Protein backbone atom coordinates (compact mmCIF):
# COMPACT_ATOMS: atom_id res chain seq x y z
CA MET A 1 10.31 -11.20 -36.95
CA ALA A 2 8.19 -12.60 -34.13
CA SER A 3 4.90 -14.27 -34.89
CA ARG A 4 1.60 -12.63 -34.01
CA THR A 5 1.03 -15.31 -31.38
CA ALA A 6 4.37 -14.62 -29.70
CA ILE A 7 3.69 -10.87 -29.67
CA THR A 8 0.22 -11.40 -28.18
CA GLU A 9 1.50 -13.79 -25.51
CA ALA A 10 4.30 -11.38 -24.57
CA ARG A 11 1.78 -8.54 -24.21
CA ARG A 12 -0.48 -10.70 -22.03
CA LYS A 13 2.45 -11.75 -19.86
CA ALA A 14 3.51 -8.12 -19.38
CA LYS A 15 -0.03 -7.10 -18.46
CA HIS A 16 -0.34 -9.90 -15.92
CA ARG A 17 3.01 -8.96 -14.40
CA ALA A 18 1.95 -5.32 -14.05
CA MET A 19 -1.57 -5.99 -12.75
CA GLY A 20 -2.11 -4.36 -9.41
CA ALA A 21 1.33 -2.72 -9.39
CA LYS A 22 -0.06 0.70 -8.40
CA ARG A 23 -2.21 -0.78 -5.64
CA LYS A 24 0.65 -2.90 -4.34
CA ALA A 25 3.01 0.09 -4.31
CA ALA A 26 0.44 2.16 -2.42
CA ASP A 27 0.02 -0.65 0.12
CA ARG A 28 3.77 -0.84 0.64
CA ASN A 29 4.13 2.92 1.05
CA LYS A 30 1.00 3.68 3.09
CA GLY A 31 0.09 0.32 4.57
CA THR A 32 -3.30 -1.37 4.69
CA THR A 33 -4.17 -1.00 8.37
CA PRO A 34 -6.10 2.18 9.22
CA LYS A 35 -4.73 4.54 11.85
CA PHE A 36 -6.30 4.05 15.24
CA ALA A 37 -7.24 6.98 17.48
CA ILE A 38 -4.50 6.07 19.95
CA HIS A 39 -1.82 6.56 17.26
CA GLU A 40 -3.06 9.87 15.91
CA GLY A 41 -1.57 12.97 17.49
CA ALA A 42 -0.23 12.97 21.01
CA ALA A 43 -1.28 11.10 24.15
CA PRO A 44 -4.80 11.60 25.56
CA LYS A 45 -5.37 14.43 28.05
CA ALA A 46 -5.83 12.01 30.98
CA ALA A 47 -2.40 10.52 30.35
CA LYS A 48 -0.80 13.97 30.18
CA LYS A 49 -2.33 14.98 33.55
CA ALA A 50 -1.19 11.72 35.20
CA ALA A 51 2.35 12.19 33.90
CA THR A 52 2.67 15.72 35.29
CA LYS A 53 1.56 14.79 38.84
């Protein structure tokens, strides 16, 4: 049987390893840089008119 100290240290180590896991996963999936207006939707109207001429 493990000592109380070993159990406590194992718990602490597991908590430290898991700290921020949800935030880090969200950063990997969604990214941290906000979307800029140029990237949202299609090209601006002025660019569409210039391309058709």
